[in-house]
Amino acid sequence: QVQLVESGGGLVQAGGSLRLSCAASGRTFSMYAIGWFRQAPGKEREFVAAISWSGVTTYYQDSVKGRFTISRDNAKNTMYLQMNSLKPEDTAVYYCAADGTSPWGPRVATAPTAYDYWGQGTQVTVSS
């Protein structure tokens, strides 16, 4: 089992920045690909960004490319999502997730169904 806890959400004005953190405990965090997802009210959960276990490979949703950066520090069992130039449409609950299916594997999935472990979420609100 992997336990994930997000932090760093809050209220920010459009154009501002936030850094979300995802702290992991339990099984070895470094063996899993990790993803960030978000869910706005009345909408389905959507992919934001993902990073391979090594940190070498990253993927982003088109709408956040150039504004968001995903990273991880395996020594600290922590993953980050740096969000810059925030827009009102970024408002959502943000979740981190770990893909426990293929430890040390090459897969970096974008579908929520590929992820086995989830945090409780942190609210990000961007005001216009």
Protein backbone atom coordinates (compact mmCIF):
# COMPACT_ATOMS: atom_id res chain seq x y z
CA GLN A 1 0.00 0.00 0.00
CA VAL A 2 0.98 3.57 -0.66
CA GLN A 3 -0.54 6.48 1.22
CA LEU A 4 -0.54 9.85 -0.52
CA VAL A 5 -1.24 13.24 1.02
CA GLU A 6 -1.53 16.41 -1.04
CA SER A 7 -0.88 19.91 0.23
CA GLY A 8 -0.29 23.39 -1.09
CA GLY A 9 -3.68 24.25 -2.50
CA GLY A 10 -5.41 27.54 -1.85
CA LEU A 11 -6.90 30.68 -3.32
CA VAL A 12 -4.84 32.65 -5.82
CA GLN A 13 -5.53 35.39 -8.34
CA ALA A 14 -5.33 34.73 -12.05
CA GLY A 15 -1.72 34.90 -13.19
CA GLY A 16 -0.43 33.74 -9.84
CA SER A 17 1.42 30.58 -8.84
CA LEU A 18 1.04 27.66 -6.47
CA ARG A 19 3.15 24.61 -5.76
CA LEU A 20 1.35 21.45 -4.83
CA SER A 21 3.13 18.69 -2.94
CA CYS A 22 2.27 15.02 -2.66
CA ALA A 23 3.92 13.19 0.21
CA ALA A 24 4.02 9.39 0.07
CA SER A 25 4.38 6.79 2.76
CA GLY A 26 4.13 3.04 2.84
CA ARG A 27 5.68 1.01 0.07
CA THR A 28 8.64 2.35 -1.85
CA PHE A 29 7.43 5.45 -3.60
CA SER A 30 10.32 5.65 -6.02
CA MET A 31 9.27 2.54 -7.96
CA TYR A 32 5.99 4.04 -9.21
CA ALA A 33 4.99 6.42 -11.95
CA ILE A 34 3.03 9.28 -10.42
CA GLY A 35 0.29 11.47 -11.82
CA TRP A 36 -1.66 14.61 -11.01
CA PHE A 37 -5.34 14.81 -11.84
CA ARG A 38 -8.02 17.40 -11.19
CA GLN A 39 -11.77 17.49 -10.91
CA ALA A 40 -13.92 20.58 -11.20
CA PRO A 41 -17.51 20.66 -9.95
CA GLY A 42 -19.82 18.82 -12.30
CA LYS A 43 -16.96 17.52 -14.43
CA GLU A 44 -15.09 14.26 -14.72
CA ARG A 45 -11.66 13.79 -13.24
CA GLU A 46 -9.06 14.73 -15.83
CA PHE A 47 -5.37 14.15 -16.36
CA VAL A 48 -3.02 17.04 -15.66
CA ALA A 49 0.54 15.65 -15.64
CA ALA A 50 2.50 12.48 -14.99
CA ILE A 51 6.10 11.50 -14.37
CA SER A 52 7.95 8.21 -14.64
CA TRP A 53 9.51 6.49 -11.64
CA SER A 54 12.92 7.80 -12.70
CA GLY A 55 11.72 11.32 -13.37
CA VAL A 56 13.05 11.17 -16.92
CA THR A 57 9.70 11.04 -18.72
CA THR A 58 6.90 13.54 -18.22
CA TYR A 59 3.54 14.13 -19.89
CA TYR A 60 1.20 17.10 -19.67
CA GLN A 61 -2.32 17.93 -20.67
CA ASP A 62 -2.16 20.40 -23.54
CA SER A 63 -3.88 23.16 -21.58
CA VAL A 64 -1.17 23.20 -18.91
CA LYS A 65 1.93 22.77 -21.08
CA GLY A 66 4.38 25.59 -20.50
CA ARG A 67 2.61 26.63 -17.30
CA PHE A 68 2.80 23.56 -15.04
CA THR A 69 5.86 21.50 -14.14
CA ILE A 70 5.77 18.08 -12.52
CA SER A 71 8.78 16.83 -10.58
CA ARG A 72 9.67 14.32 -7.89
CA ASP A 73 12.22 13.86 -5.16
CA ASN A 74 12.43 10.15 -4.48
CA ALA A 75 14.79 10.65 -1.56
CA LYS A 76 12.05 12.68 0.15
CA ASN A 77 9.17 10.49 -1.09
CA THR A 78 7.55 13.61 -2.47
CA MET A 79 6.16 14.76 -5.79
CA TYR A 80 5.46 18.32 -6.83
CA LEU A 81 3.31 20.25 -9.27
CA GLN A 82 4.50 23.80 -9.86
CA MET A 83 1.65 25.80 -11.35
CA ASN A 84 2.36 29.19 -12.90
CA SER A 85 0.21 31.63 -14.84
CA LEU A 86 -2.88 30.18 -13.26
CA LYS A 87 -6.25 30.72 -14.91
CA PRO A 88 -9.79 30.55 -13.48
CA GLU A 89 -10.35 27.39 -15.51
CA ASP A 90 -7.62 25.69 -13.45
CA THR A 91 -9.94 25.81 -10.45
CA ALA A 92 -10.51 22.25 -9.24
CA VAL A 93 -9.65 19.71 -6.60
CA TYR A 94 -6.21 18.35 -7.44
CA TYR A 95 -5.30 14.74 -6.72
CA CYS A 96 -2.01 12.89 -6.85
CA ALA A 97 -1.98 9.22 -7.72
CA ALA A 98 0.50 6.36 -7.99
CA ASP A 99 0.50 3.63 -10.64
CA GLY A 100 1.21 0.46 -8.69
CA THR A 101 0.74 -1.90 -11.61
CA SER A 102 4.21 -1.81 -13.10
CA PRO A 103 6.90 -0.83 -10.62
CA TRP A 104 10.13 0.31 -12.27
CA GLY A 105 8.31 -0.04 -15.60
CA PRO A 106 8.22 2.31 -18.59
CA ARG A 107 4.51 3.08 -18.44
CA VAL A 108 3.47 6.65 -17.73
CA ALA A 109 -0.29 6.56 -17.96
CA THR A 110 -2.73 9.40 -18.49
CA ALA A 111 -5.96 7.54 -17.70
CA PRO A 112 -7.21 7.72 -14.12
CA THR A 113 -8.10 4.04 -14.26
CA ALA A 114 -4.40 3.16 -14.55
CA TYR A 115 -3.67 4.50 -11.07
CA ASP A 116 -4.11 2.41 -7.96
CA TYR A 117 -3.40 4.78 -5.09
CA TRP A 118 -4.94 8.20 -4.58
CA GLY A 119 -4.63 11.08 -2.19
CA GLN A 120 -7.58 12.90 -0.68
CA GLY A 121 -7.19 15.98 -2.87
CA THR A 122 -6.40 19.63 -2.33
CA GLN A 123 -8.55 22.54 -3.49
CA VAL A 124 -7.13 25.09 -5.91
CA THR A 125 -9.24 28.16 -6.59
CA VAL A 126 -8.17 30.79 -9.10
CA SER A 127 -10.06 34.07 -9.00
CA SER A 128 -10.41 36.32 -12.02
